[in-house]
């Protein structure tokens, strides 16, 4: 006779597999972002001498004064710990490369919170507010939902994004 009731350890195995699938989907989305970035580069390149544009980082992209959006590599945004409101300068070189430089960071503060995942998006909550974080640093640090993270946010209230600084390891 077959027991139709799932065992508790098989349910936890299923949850682990689903989390792994979500991570893979997130990585595939990042690859699509890179391809999309290459297409946008070709469309934006207009000058043989290069082009310089300034804008504000919105958590994922740089937005120019004219409202144009320019893709920022998640790896660069993570490595530089860019937060909403940072002023960036984008140089589009003669070969179509995008070179970003942070020219005016906003005032920042650090908070700690718990990592969660909704669909393929990651969030860190400090108990009062939930901030979205890029998946690149989450996968880099091999963080999992439930882990405590240190994140950087603008001092000014109203941000929806945070930059991951580190994973807090319990000893």
N, C-alpha and C. Protein backbone atom coordinates (compact mmCIF):
# COMPACT_ATOMS: atom_id res chain seq x y z
N UNK A 1 0.84 -1.18 0.00
CA UNK A 1 0.00 0.00 0.00
C UNK A 1 0.89 1.25 0.00
N UNK A 2 0.55 2.21 -0.84
CA UNK A 2 1.33 3.44 -0.98
C UNK A 2 0.76 4.51 -0.06
N UNK A 3 1.67 5.14 0.69
CA UNK A 3 1.26 6.23 1.58
C UNK A 3 1.14 7.49 0.75
N UNK A 4 -0.08 8.06 0.63
CA UNK A 4 -0.31 9.24 -0.20
C UNK A 4 0.02 10.54 0.52
N UNK A 5 0.33 10.48 1.80
CA UNK A 5 0.66 11.66 2.57
C UNK A 5 2.14 11.98 2.35
N UNK A 6 2.46 13.20 1.88
CA UNK A 6 3.87 13.53 1.67
C UNK A 6 4.60 13.62 3.01
N UNK A 7 5.81 13.11 3.02
CA UNK A 7 6.63 13.17 4.22
C UNK A 7 7.14 14.59 4.39
N UNK A 8 7.37 14.99 5.65
CA UNK A 8 7.81 16.36 5.95
C UNK A 8 9.13 16.68 5.26
N UNK A 9 10.08 15.72 5.26
CA UNK A 9 11.37 16.01 4.63
C UNK A 9 11.24 16.16 3.13
N UNK A 10 10.27 15.52 2.49
CA UNK A 10 10.11 15.70 1.05
C UNK A 10 9.54 17.08 0.74
N UNK A 11 8.73 17.63 1.63
CA UNK A 11 8.20 18.99 1.43
C UNK A 11 9.35 19.99 1.51
N UNK A 12 10.23 19.81 2.48
CA UNK A 12 11.37 20.73 2.57
C UNK A 12 12.30 20.56 1.37
N UNK A 13 12.43 19.35 0.85
CA UNK A 13 13.22 19.14 -0.37
C UNK A 13 12.61 19.88 -1.55
N UNK A 14 11.29 19.83 -1.66
CA UNK A 14 10.58 20.53 -2.74
C UNK A 14 10.81 22.03 -2.62
N UNK A 15 10.73 22.57 -1.39
CA UNK A 15 10.96 23.99 -1.18
C UNK A 15 12.38 24.37 -1.60
N UNK A 16 13.35 23.55 -1.26
CA UNK A 16 14.75 23.82 -1.64
C UNK A 16 14.90 23.82 -3.15
N UNK A 17 14.26 22.87 -3.81
CA UNK A 17 14.33 22.80 -5.28
C UNK A 17 13.68 24.03 -5.91
N UNK A 18 12.54 24.46 -5.38
CA UNK A 18 11.88 25.66 -5.91
C UNK A 18 12.75 26.90 -5.73
N UNK A 19 13.41 27.03 -4.58
CA UNK A 19 14.31 28.16 -4.36
C UNK A 19 15.46 28.14 -5.36
N UNK A 20 15.99 26.95 -5.62
CA UNK A 20 17.08 26.81 -6.59
C UNK A 20 16.60 27.18 -8.00
N UNK A 21 15.40 26.76 -8.36
CA UNK A 21 14.82 27.10 -9.66
C UNK A 21 14.64 28.61 -9.76
N UNK A 22 14.14 29.25 -8.69
CA UNK A 22 13.98 30.71 -8.69
C UNK A 22 15.32 31.40 -8.89
N UNK A 23 16.38 30.87 -8.25
CA UNK A 23 17.72 31.47 -8.43
C UNK A 23 18.16 31.36 -9.89
N UNK A 24 17.91 30.19 -10.49
CA UNK A 24 18.29 30.00 -11.90
C UNK A 24 17.51 30.95 -12.80
N UNK A 25 16.23 31.11 -12.54
CA UNK A 25 15.41 32.03 -13.33
C UNK A 25 15.95 33.45 -13.20
N UNK A 26 16.32 33.83 -11.98
CA UNK A 26 16.88 35.17 -11.75
C UNK A 26 18.18 35.36 -12.55
N UNK A 27 19.04 34.35 -12.56
CA UNK A 27 20.29 34.43 -13.32
C UNK A 27 20.00 34.54 -14.82
N UNK A 28 19.00 33.81 -15.30
CA UNK A 28 18.64 33.89 -16.71
C UNK A 28 18.09 35.28 -17.06
N UNK A 29 17.32 35.88 -16.14
CA UNK A 29 16.82 37.24 -16.36
C UNK A 29 17.99 38.22 -16.48
N UNK A 30 19.03 38.01 -15.66
CA UNK A 30 20.21 38.88 -15.75
C UNK A 30 20.88 38.75 -17.10
N UNK A 31 20.95 37.52 -17.63
CA UNK A 31 21.53 37.33 -18.95
C UNK A 31 20.71 38.06 -20.01
N UNK A 32 19.39 38.01 -19.88
CA UNK A 32 18.54 38.75 -20.82
C UNK A 32 18.79 40.24 -20.70
N UNK A 33 19.02 40.73 -19.47
CA UNK A 33 19.31 42.15 -19.26
C UNK A 33 20.58 42.54 -20.00
N UNK A 34 21.61 41.68 -19.97
CA UNK A 34 22.87 41.98 -20.67
C UNK A 34 22.61 42.09 -22.17
N UNK A 35 21.82 41.17 -22.74
CA UNK A 35 21.51 41.24 -24.17
C UNK A 35 20.73 42.50 -24.49
N UNK A 36 19.76 42.87 -23.63
CA UNK A 36 18.97 44.07 -23.82
C UNK A 36 19.87 45.31 -23.77
N UNK A 37 20.85 45.30 -22.87
CA UNK A 37 21.79 46.41 -22.74
C UNK A 37 22.58 46.58 -24.03
N UNK A 38 23.03 45.47 -24.62
CA UNK A 38 23.79 45.56 -25.87
C UNK A 38 22.96 46.18 -26.98
N UNK A 39 21.68 45.81 -27.06
CA UNK A 39 20.79 46.38 -28.07
C UNK A 39 20.61 47.88 -27.84
N UNK A 40 20.41 48.29 -26.59
CA UNK A 40 20.23 49.71 -26.28
C UNK A 40 21.50 50.49 -26.59
N UNK A 41 22.67 49.89 -26.36
CA UNK A 41 23.93 50.57 -26.66
C UNK A 41 24.01 50.91 -28.14
N UNK A 42 23.64 49.95 -28.97
CA UNK A 42 23.71 50.19 -30.42
C UNK A 42 22.78 51.34 -30.82
N UNK A 43 21.59 51.40 -30.23
CA UNK A 43 20.64 52.45 -30.56
C UNK A 43 21.11 53.82 -30.06
N UNK A 44 21.76 53.84 -28.89
CA UNK A 44 22.16 55.11 -28.29
C UNK A 44 23.41 55.70 -28.91
N UNK A 45 24.26 54.86 -29.48
CA UNK A 45 25.51 55.37 -30.01
C UNK A 45 25.27 56.23 -31.23
N UNK A 46 25.64 57.49 -31.11
CA UNK A 46 25.38 58.41 -32.21
C UNK A 46 26.59 59.22 -32.61
N UNK A 47 27.58 59.37 -31.76
CA UNK A 47 28.69 60.27 -32.02
C UNK A 47 30.01 59.52 -32.09
N UNK A 48 30.84 59.77 -33.11
CA UNK A 48 32.12 59.08 -33.18
C UNK A 48 33.06 59.53 -32.06
N UNK A 49 32.82 60.68 -31.45
CA UNK A 49 33.67 61.16 -30.37
C UNK A 49 33.18 60.72 -29.00
N UNK A 50 32.05 60.05 -28.93
CA UNK A 50 31.48 59.66 -27.65
C UNK A 50 30.46 60.68 -27.18
N UNK A 51 29.74 60.32 -26.15
CA UNK A 51 28.65 61.15 -25.66
C UNK A 51 28.67 61.07 -24.13
N UNK A 52 28.48 62.20 -23.44
CA UNK A 52 28.46 62.22 -21.97
C UNK A 52 27.08 62.67 -21.51
N UNK A 53 26.50 61.90 -20.61
CA UNK A 53 25.17 62.16 -20.10
C UNK A 53 25.21 62.05 -18.58
N UNK A 54 24.53 62.96 -17.88
CA UNK A 54 24.42 62.86 -16.43
C UNK A 54 22.99 62.49 -16.07
N UNK A 55 22.86 61.78 -14.96
CA UNK A 55 21.53 61.40 -14.51
C UNK A 55 21.54 60.91 -13.09
N UNK A 56 20.40 60.46 -12.64
CA UNK A 56 20.19 59.99 -11.28
C UNK A 56 19.88 58.50 -11.31
N UNK A 57 20.53 57.74 -10.41
CA UNK A 57 20.28 56.31 -10.29
C UNK A 57 18.95 56.10 -9.57
N UNK A 58 18.09 55.24 -10.15
CA UNK A 58 16.76 55.01 -9.56
C UNK A 58 16.62 53.66 -8.87
N UNK A 59 17.72 52.95 -8.70
CA UNK A 59 17.68 51.63 -8.10
C UNK A 59 18.05 50.55 -9.10
N UNK A 60 17.81 50.82 -10.39
CA UNK A 60 18.14 49.87 -11.46
C UNK A 60 18.78 50.56 -12.65
N UNK A 61 18.34 51.77 -12.96
CA UNK A 61 18.79 52.46 -14.16
C UNK A 61 19.20 53.89 -13.82
N UNK A 62 19.89 54.53 -14.79
CA UNK A 62 20.17 55.95 -14.66
C UNK A 62 19.12 56.68 -15.49
N UNK A 63 18.52 57.72 -14.89
CA UNK A 63 17.50 58.51 -15.57
C UNK A 63 18.08 59.91 -15.79
N UNK A 64 18.14 60.34 -17.07
CA UNK A 64 18.69 61.65 -17.40
C UNK A 64 17.67 62.74 -17.07
N UNK A 65 18.12 64.00 -17.14
CA UNK A 65 17.21 65.12 -16.91
C UNK A 65 16.04 65.11 -17.88
N UNK A 66 16.28 64.64 -19.09
CA UNK A 66 15.23 64.57 -20.11
C UNK A 66 14.31 63.38 -19.95
N UNK A 67 14.58 62.52 -18.94
CA UNK A 67 13.72 61.36 -18.70
C UNK A 67 14.15 60.10 -19.42
N UNK A 68 15.25 60.16 -20.20
CA UNK A 68 15.72 58.95 -20.88
C UNK A 68 16.31 58.01 -19.83
N UNK A 69 16.10 56.72 -20.07
CA UNK A 69 16.60 55.70 -19.13
C UNK A 69 17.77 54.97 -19.77
N UNK A 70 18.82 54.75 -18.97
CA UNK A 70 20.02 54.07 -19.44
C UNK A 70 20.32 52.90 -18.50
N UNK A 71 20.52 51.72 -19.06
CA UNK A 71 20.74 50.54 -18.21
C UNK A 71 22.07 50.62 -17.47
N UNK A 72 22.03 50.30 -16.19
CA UNK A 72 23.24 50.20 -15.37
C UNK A 72 23.44 48.72 -15.06
N UNK A 73 24.61 48.22 -15.32
CA UNK A 73 24.90 46.81 -15.06
C UNK A 73 24.64 46.51 -13.58
N UNK A 74 23.87 45.45 -13.30
CA UNK A 74 23.64 45.09 -11.90
C UNK A 74 24.94 44.82 -11.15
N UNK A 75 25.93 44.29 -11.85
CA UNK A 75 27.21 44.02 -11.19
C UNK A 75 27.90 45.32 -10.79
N UNK A 76 27.87 46.33 -11.67
CA UNK A 76 28.47 47.63 -11.35
C UNK A 76 27.71 48.30 -10.21
N UNK A 77 26.38 48.29 -10.29
CA UNK A 77 25.56 48.91 -9.24
C UNK A 77 25.81 48.25 -7.89
N UNK A 78 25.98 46.93 -7.90
CA UNK A 78 26.22 46.19 -6.66
C UNK A 78 27.61 46.47 -6.12
N UNK A 79 28.59 46.38 -6.99
CA UNK A 79 29.99 46.59 -6.57
C UNK A 79 30.19 47.99 -6.03
N UNK A 80 29.56 48.98 -6.66
CA UNK A 80 29.69 50.38 -6.25
C UNK A 80 28.72 50.75 -5.15
N UNK A 81 27.84 49.83 -4.77
CA UNK A 81 26.80 50.06 -3.77
C UNK A 81 26.03 51.34 -4.07
N UNK A 82 25.57 51.45 -5.32
CA UNK A 82 24.77 52.60 -5.72
C UNK A 82 23.41 52.54 -5.02
N UNK A 83 22.93 53.70 -4.60
CA UNK A 83 21.59 53.78 -4.00
C UNK A 83 20.78 54.83 -4.75
N UNK A 84 19.47 54.75 -4.59
CA UNK A 84 18.58 55.70 -5.24
C UNK A 84 19.01 57.13 -4.92
N UNK A 85 19.11 57.93 -5.96
CA UNK A 85 19.45 59.34 -5.78
C UNK A 85 20.90 59.67 -6.10
N UNK A 86 21.77 58.66 -6.21
CA UNK A 86 23.17 58.92 -6.58
C UNK A 86 23.22 59.54 -7.98
N UNK A 87 24.06 60.55 -8.13
CA UNK A 87 24.23 61.19 -9.44
C UNK A 87 25.36 60.46 -10.18
N UNK A 88 25.08 60.10 -11.43
CA UNK A 88 26.03 59.37 -12.26
C UNK A 88 26.36 60.15 -13.52
N UNK A 89 27.53 59.86 -14.05
CA UNK A 89 27.91 60.37 -15.37
C UNK A 89 28.13 59.15 -16.25
N UNK A 90 27.48 59.14 -17.39
CA UNK A 90 27.61 58.05 -18.35
C UNK A 90 28.37 58.57 -19.56
N UNK A 91 29.43 57.89 -19.92
CA UNK A 91 30.14 58.18 -21.16
C UNK A 91 29.88 57.02 -22.10
N UNK A 92 29.31 57.33 -23.25
CA UNK A 92 29.13 56.32 -24.30
C UNK A 92 30.30 56.53 -25.25
N UNK A 93 31.23 55.58 -25.27
CA UNK A 93 32.45 55.74 -26.04
C UNK A 93 32.20 55.51 -27.52
N UNK A 94 33.21 55.79 -28.31
CA UNK A 94 33.08 55.66 -29.77
C UNK A 94 32.82 54.23 -30.21
N UNK A 95 33.20 53.24 -29.39
CA UNK A 95 32.91 51.85 -29.77
C UNK A 95 31.59 51.36 -29.17
N UNK A 96 30.82 52.26 -28.52
CA UNK A 96 29.52 51.90 -27.99
C UNK A 96 29.53 51.42 -26.55
N UNK A 97 30.69 51.41 -25.90
CA UNK A 97 30.77 50.97 -24.51
C UNK A 97 30.14 52.01 -23.58
N UNK A 98 29.56 51.54 -22.50
CA UNK A 98 29.01 52.41 -21.47
C UNK A 98 29.99 52.46 -20.31
N UNK A 99 30.42 53.65 -19.95
CA UNK A 99 31.30 53.82 -18.80
C UNK A 99 30.60 54.73 -17.80
N UNK A 100 30.26 54.19 -16.64
CA UNK A 100 29.59 54.97 -15.61
C UNK A 100 30.59 55.42 -14.55
N UNK A 101 30.32 56.58 -13.99
CA UNK A 101 31.10 57.08 -12.87
C UNK A 101 30.13 57.75 -11.91
N UNK A 102 30.25 57.40 -10.64
CA UNK A 102 29.43 58.03 -9.62
C UNK A 102 30.06 59.38 -9.32
N UNK A 103 29.31 60.47 -9.53
CA UNK A 103 29.89 61.80 -9.36
C UNK A 103 29.36 62.54 -8.13
N UNK A 104 28.23 62.10 -7.60
CA UNK A 104 27.69 62.77 -6.41
C UNK A 104 26.81 61.79 -5.63
N UNK A 105 27.41 61.07 -4.67
CA UNK A 105 26.60 60.14 -3.88
C UNK A 105 25.69 60.89 -2.91
N UNK A 106 24.52 60.33 -2.66
CA UNK A 106 23.62 60.91 -1.66
C UNK A 106 24.08 60.47 -0.28
N UNK A 107 23.62 61.17 0.75
CA UNK A 107 23.92 60.75 2.13
C UNK A 107 23.28 59.40 2.36
N UNK A 108 23.99 58.54 3.08
CA UNK A 108 23.56 57.16 3.26
C UNK A 108 23.48 56.79 4.74
N UNK A 109 22.79 55.67 4.96
CA UNK A 109 22.82 55.03 6.27
C UNK A 109 22.70 53.53 6.08
N UNK A 110 23.16 52.80 7.08
CA UNK A 110 23.11 51.34 7.02
C UNK A 110 22.00 50.84 7.93
N UNK A 111 21.37 49.78 7.47
CA UNK A 111 20.39 49.09 8.29
C UNK A 111 20.61 47.59 8.11
N UNK A 112 20.05 46.81 9.01
CA UNK A 112 20.08 45.36 8.84
C UNK A 112 18.65 44.88 8.70
N UNK A 113 18.50 43.79 7.99
CA UNK A 113 17.17 43.24 7.80
C UNK A 113 17.23 41.82 7.29
N UNK A 114 16.07 41.23 7.18
CA UNK A 114 15.96 39.85 6.74
C UNK A 114 15.65 39.79 5.25
N UNK A 115 16.35 38.91 4.56
CA UNK A 115 16.16 38.72 3.12
C UNK A 115 14.93 37.86 2.87
N UNK A 116 14.11 38.29 1.92
CA UNK A 116 12.97 37.48 1.48
C UNK A 116 12.93 37.51 -0.05
N UNK A 117 12.14 36.61 -0.58
CA UNK A 117 12.02 36.52 -2.04
C UNK A 117 10.54 36.42 -2.40
N UNK A 118 10.11 37.26 -3.33
CA UNK A 118 8.74 37.22 -3.83
C UNK A 118 8.86 37.05 -5.33
N UNK A 119 8.43 35.91 -5.83
CA UNK A 119 8.65 35.61 -7.25
C UNK A 119 10.14 35.49 -7.49
N UNK A 120 10.67 36.31 -8.38
CA UNK A 120 12.12 36.30 -8.64
C UNK A 120 12.80 37.54 -8.08
N UNK A 121 12.08 38.32 -7.26
CA UNK A 121 12.64 39.56 -6.71
C UNK A 121 13.02 39.37 -5.25
N UNK A 122 14.13 40.00 -4.89
CA UNK A 122 14.62 39.92 -3.51
C UNK A 122 14.32 41.21 -2.77
N UNK A 123 14.01 41.06 -1.49
CA UNK A 123 13.70 42.19 -0.62
C UNK A 123 14.41 42.02 0.72
N UNK A 124 14.73 43.14 1.36
CA UNK A 124 15.26 43.13 2.72
C UNK A 124 14.32 44.00 3.55
N UNK A 125 13.85 43.44 4.64
CA UNK A 125 12.94 44.17 5.52
C UNK A 125 13.60 44.39 6.87
N UNK A 126 13.51 45.63 7.35
CA UNK A 126 14.04 45.96 8.67
C UNK A 126 12.94 45.94 9.72
N UNK A 127 11.78 45.44 9.37
CA UNK A 127 10.65 45.39 10.29
C UNK A 127 9.70 46.56 10.12
N UNK A 128 10.20 47.66 9.54
CA UNK A 128 9.34 48.83 9.29
C UNK A 128 9.04 48.98 7.82
N UNK A 129 10.02 48.68 6.99
CA UNK A 129 9.87 48.87 5.55
C UNK A 129 10.61 47.75 4.81
N UNK A 130 10.11 47.44 3.62
CA UNK A 130 10.71 46.41 2.78
C UNK A 130 11.37 47.12 1.59
N UNK A 131 12.67 46.84 1.37
CA UNK A 131 13.44 47.44 0.29
C UNK A 131 13.80 46.35 -0.72
N UNK A 132 13.64 46.66 -1.99
CA UNK A 132 14.05 45.73 -3.03
C UNK A 132 15.56 45.82 -3.19
N UNK A 133 16.20 44.69 -3.44
CA UNK A 133 17.64 44.65 -3.70
C UNK A 133 17.89 43.90 -5.01
N UNK A 134 18.98 44.26 -5.66
CA UNK A 134 19.34 43.58 -6.90
C UNK A 134 19.71 42.13 -6.59
N UNK A 135 19.46 41.25 -7.54
CA UNK A 135 19.77 39.83 -7.33
C UNK A 135 21.26 39.54 -7.46
N UNK A 136 22.02 40.40 -8.16
CA UNK A 136 23.45 40.14 -8.36
C UNK A 136 24.20 39.99 -7.04
N UNK A 137 24.05 40.90 -6.06
CA UNK A 137 24.79 40.71 -4.81
C UNK A 137 24.25 39.55 -3.97
N UNK A 138 22.96 39.26 -4.09
CA UNK A 138 22.38 38.15 -3.34
C UNK A 138 23.03 36.84 -3.81
N UNK A 139 23.13 36.68 -5.13
CA UNK A 139 23.75 35.45 -5.65
C UNK A 139 25.26 35.47 -5.39
N UNK A 140 25.90 36.64 -5.46
CA UNK A 140 27.34 36.73 -5.18
C UNK A 140 27.66 36.28 -3.75
N UNK A 141 26.87 36.77 -2.79
CA UNK A 141 27.09 36.41 -1.39
C UNK A 141 26.48 35.05 -1.03
N UNK A 142 25.80 34.42 -2.00
CA UNK A 142 25.12 33.14 -1.77
C UNK A 142 24.14 33.23 -0.60
N UNK A 143 23.43 34.35 -0.54
CA UNK A 143 22.44 34.57 0.51
C UNK A 143 21.16 33.83 0.19
N UNK A 144 20.44 33.49 1.22
CA UNK A 144 19.16 32.79 1.07
C UNK A 144 18.08 33.52 1.85
N UNK A 145 16.82 33.38 1.42
CA UNK A 145 15.74 33.97 2.21
C UNK A 145 15.86 33.54 3.67
N UNK A 146 15.68 34.51 4.55
CA UNK A 146 15.83 34.26 5.98
C UNK A 146 17.15 34.76 6.52
N UNK A 147 18.16 34.93 5.65
CA UNK A 147 19.46 35.44 6.09
C UNK A 147 19.32 36.91 6.47
N UNK A 148 20.18 37.35 7.40
CA UNK A 148 20.23 38.77 7.78
C UNK A 148 21.31 39.44 6.95
N UNK A 149 20.96 40.61 6.41
CA UNK A 149 21.88 41.36 5.56
C UNK A 149 22.06 42.76 6.09
N UNK A 150 23.23 43.32 5.82
CA UNK A 150 23.46 44.74 6.03
C UNK A 150 23.28 45.39 4.67
N UNK A 151 22.43 46.42 4.62
CA UNK A 151 22.18 47.12 3.37
C UNK A 151 22.38 48.61 3.57
N UNK A 152 22.60 49.30 2.47
CA UNK A 152 22.79 50.75 2.48
C UNK A 152 21.59 51.38 1.80
N UNK A 153 21.03 52.41 2.43
CA UNK A 153 19.90 53.13 1.88
C UNK A 153 20.18 54.63 1.96
N UNK A 154 19.49 55.44 1.17
CA UNK A 154 19.64 56.89 1.31
C UNK A 154 19.13 57.34 2.69
N UNK A 155 19.77 58.36 3.26
CA UNK A 155 19.29 58.91 4.54
C UNK A 155 17.89 59.48 4.38
N UNK A 156 17.65 60.11 3.24
CA UNK A 156 16.34 60.71 2.98
C UNK A 156 15.31 59.59 2.82
N UNK A 157 14.18 59.75 3.49
CA UNK A 157 13.10 58.76 3.42
C UNK A 157 12.50 58.70 2.02
N UNK A 158 11.88 57.58 1.71
CA UNK A 158 11.15 57.45 0.46
C UNK A 158 11.76 56.48 -0.54
N UNK A 159 12.93 55.94 -0.22
CA UNK A 159 13.57 55.00 -1.13
C UNK A 159 12.88 53.65 -1.09
N UNK A 160 12.85 52.98 -2.23
CA UNK A 160 12.30 51.63 -2.32
C UNK A 160 13.38 50.59 -2.56
N UNK A 161 14.61 51.04 -2.77
CA UNK A 161 15.72 50.16 -3.09
C UNK A 161 16.82 50.28 -2.04
N UNK A 162 17.57 49.20 -1.88
CA UNK A 162 18.73 49.19 -0.99
C UNK A 162 19.87 48.49 -1.72
N UNK A 163 21.10 48.85 -1.34
CA UNK A 163 22.28 48.19 -1.88
C UNK A 163 22.82 47.23 -0.83
N UNK A 164 23.07 46.01 -1.23
CA UNK A 164 23.56 44.98 -0.28
C UNK A 164 25.03 45.26 0.01
N UNK A 165 25.34 45.34 1.31
CA UNK A 165 26.72 45.52 1.73
C UNK A 165 27.34 44.19 2.13
N UNK A 166 26.58 43.39 2.91
CA UNK A 166 27.13 42.14 3.39
C UNK A 166 26.05 41.24 3.96
N UNK A 167 26.39 39.97 4.11
CA UNK A 167 25.53 39.01 4.79
C UNK A 167 26.07 38.86 6.20
N UNK A 168 25.18 38.91 7.18
CA UNK A 168 25.59 38.75 8.57
C UNK A 168 25.60 37.27 8.88
N UNK A 169 26.77 36.78 9.23
CA UNK A 169 26.92 35.35 9.51
C UNK A 169 26.75 35.14 11.01
N UNK A 170 25.85 34.23 11.35
CA UNK A 170 25.65 33.89 12.76
C UNK A 170 26.70 32.87 13.18
N UNK A 171 27.39 33.18 14.26
CA UNK A 171 28.44 32.26 14.74
C UNK A 171 28.05 31.57 16.01
